[in-house]
Amino acid sequence: MAKGPMGAFEIPAEMRNVAEQSVVQARQAFDGFMGAAQKAMSKWEDHTAAAQVGAKDASERIMSLAEQNVANSFDFAQRLVRAKDVEEMMRLQTEFVRAQMEQMTAQAQELGQGAVQAAQEAAGKGPRR
């Protein structure tokens, strides 16, 4: 069989060395990229996990406060139906509204502080409870 014009051509050693070094450098660059990507994903997962924990804590606390508010309302309703006269009903209503306003103010402050803390924890700037 006759050799074509390229049949006797040999790749020079320098060219092979350059190609081999290019492959090694490309692999190193890819490995570096993958390491950075894995670190970024790990950080993202940490922030996501912290946000999920914060959201779960907040939702549990909100449900607890809602249950407490409903229980207070039922307690008020029971006292109201047992009132002996309109004067007692008005006094009970006034006491209930005042207590609810105080309680809702405290709850709003608590939830606001919890939201700030959760945001700080998600950002990695605050301690975990």
Protein backbone atom coordinates (compact mmCIF):
# COMPACT_ATOMS: atom_id res chain seq x y z
CA MET A 1 0.00 0.00 0.00
CA ALA A 2 1.33 3.39 -0.91
CA LYS A 3 1.80 5.99 1.71
CA GLY A 4 -0.06 9.24 1.23
CA PRO A 5 1.58 12.62 1.50
CA MET A 6 0.99 12.60 5.30
CA GLY A 7 2.04 8.98 5.84
CA ALA A 8 5.64 9.79 6.64
CA PHE A 9 4.84 12.88 8.70
CA GLU A 10 5.81 12.66 12.37
CA ILE A 11 4.54 15.02 15.03
CA PRO A 12 7.52 16.80 16.53
CA ALA A 13 8.23 16.10 20.21
CA GLU A 14 7.89 19.81 21.04
CA MET A 15 4.42 19.90 19.55
CA ARG A 16 3.39 16.80 21.54
CA ASN A 17 4.81 18.37 24.73
CA VAL A 18 2.88 21.58 24.12
CA ALA A 19 -0.33 19.60 23.46
CA GLU A 20 0.22 17.48 26.57
CA GLN A 21 0.87 20.57 28.70
CA SER A 22 -2.28 22.16 27.28
CA VAL A 23 -4.32 19.13 28.29
CA VAL A 24 -2.80 19.14 31.79
CA GLN A 25 -3.48 22.87 32.17
CA ALA A 26 -7.03 22.47 30.88
CA ARG A 27 -7.62 19.66 33.41
CA GLN A 28 -6.20 21.79 36.22
CA ALA A 29 -8.37 24.73 35.20
CA PHE A 30 -11.43 22.50 35.04
CA ASP A 31 -10.63 20.96 38.44
CA GLY A 32 -10.22 24.48 39.88
CA PHE A 33 -13.53 25.54 38.36
CA MET A 34 -15.30 22.47 39.74
CA GLY A 35 -13.82 23.06 43.20
CA ALA A 36 -15.02 26.67 43.16
CA ALA A 37 -18.46 25.58 41.92
CA GLN A 38 -18.73 22.99 44.69
CA LYS A 39 -17.76 25.56 47.32
CA ALA A 40 -20.35 27.97 45.93
CA MET A 41 -23.04 25.29 45.98
CA SER A 42 -22.12 24.33 49.52
CA LYS A 43 -22.41 27.97 50.64
CA TRP A 44 -25.73 28.30 48.85
CA GLU A 45 -27.01 25.10 50.50
CA ASP A 46 -25.92 26.41 53.91
CA HIS A 47 -27.78 29.68 53.36
CA THR A 48 -30.83 27.84 52.07
CA ALA A 49 -30.82 25.48 55.05
CA ALA A 50 -30.54 28.42 57.45
CA ALA A 51 -33.42 30.18 55.70
CA GLN A 52 -35.54 27.04 55.85
CA VAL A 53 -34.86 26.61 59.56
CA GLY A 54 -35.71 30.27 60.13
CA ALA A 55 -38.92 29.95 58.13
CA LYS A 56 -39.92 26.79 60.01
CA ASP A 57 -39.21 28.44 63.37
CA ALA A 58 -41.19 31.52 62.34
CA SER A 59 -44.18 29.53 61.09
CA GLU A 60 -44.25 27.45 64.28
CA ARG A 61 -44.12 30.61 66.40
CA ILE A 62 -46.83 32.30 64.33
CA MET A 63 -49.08 29.27 64.76
CA SER A 64 -48.42 29.27 68.50
CA LEU A 65 -49.30 32.96 68.75
CA ALA A 66 -52.45 32.46 66.68
CA GLU A 67 -53.55 29.60 68.94
CA GLN A 68 -52.90 31.78 71.97
CA ASN A 69 -54.95 34.65 70.47
CA VAL A 70 -57.86 32.34 69.64
CA ALA A 71 -57.78 30.83 73.13
CA ASN A 72 -57.86 34.36 74.60
CA SER A 73 -60.85 35.18 72.42
CA PHE A 74 -62.73 32.08 73.57
CA ASP A 75 -61.91 32.90 77.20
CA PHE A 76 -63.24 36.40 76.65
CA ALA A 77 -66.39 35.05 75.00
CA GLN A 78 -67.03 32.77 77.99
CA ARG A 79 -66.59 35.63 80.46
CA LEU A 80 -68.81 37.83 78.32
CA VAL A 81 -71.71 35.38 78.26
CA ARG A 82 -71.49 35.08 82.05
CA ALA A 83 -71.67 38.85 82.57
CA LYS A 84 -74.48 39.90 84.86
CA ASP A 85 -75.20 43.27 83.22
CA VAL A 86 -74.22 45.65 80.41
CA GLU A 87 -71.77 47.48 82.65
CA GLU A 88 -69.83 44.27 83.31
CA MET A 89 -69.92 43.45 79.57
CA MET A 90 -68.43 46.88 78.75
CA ARG A 91 -65.71 46.46 81.39
CA LEU A 92 -64.83 43.00 80.06
CA GLN A 93 -64.75 44.33 76.49
CA THR A 94 -62.47 47.21 77.47
CA GLU A 95 -60.11 44.90 79.38
CA PHE A 96 -60.04 42.43 76.51
CA VAL A 97 -59.27 45.06 73.86
CA ARG A 98 -56.52 46.61 76.02
CA ALA A 99 -54.94 43.21 76.73
CA GLN A 100 -55.15 42.18 73.07
CA MET A 101 -53.49 45.42 71.91
CA GLU A 102 -50.65 44.93 74.39
CA GLN A 103 -50.28 41.31 73.40
CA MET A 104 -50.32 42.06 69.66
CA THR A 105 -47.71 44.79 70.12
CA ALA A 106 -45.45 42.36 71.98
CA GLN A 107 -46.06 39.67 69.36
CA ALA A 108 -45.24 42.03 66.49
CA GLN A 109 -41.99 43.02 68.21
CA GLU A 110 -41.11 39.37 68.81
CA LEU A 111 -41.82 38.41 65.20
CA GLY A 112 -39.87 41.42 63.92
CA GLN A 113 -36.86 40.49 66.02
CA GLY A 114 -37.17 36.90 64.84
CA ALA A 115 -37.23 38.01 61.21
CA VAL A 116 -34.10 40.13 61.68
CA GLN A 117 -32.33 37.26 63.45
CA ALA A 118 -33.32 34.78 60.75
CA ALA A 119 -32.06 37.13 58.04
CA GLN A 120 -28.76 37.56 59.87
CA GLU A 121 -28.39 33.80 60.33
CA ALA A 122 -29.20 33.16 56.69
CA ALA A 123 -26.53 35.71 55.74
CA GLY A 124 -24.08 33.98 58.09
CA LYS A 125 -23.79 36.98 60.40
CA GLY A 126 -25.58 35.80 63.50
CA PRO A 127 -25.47 32.95 66.01
CA ARG A 128 -27.83 29.99 65.75
CA ARG A 129 -30.21 29.50 68.63
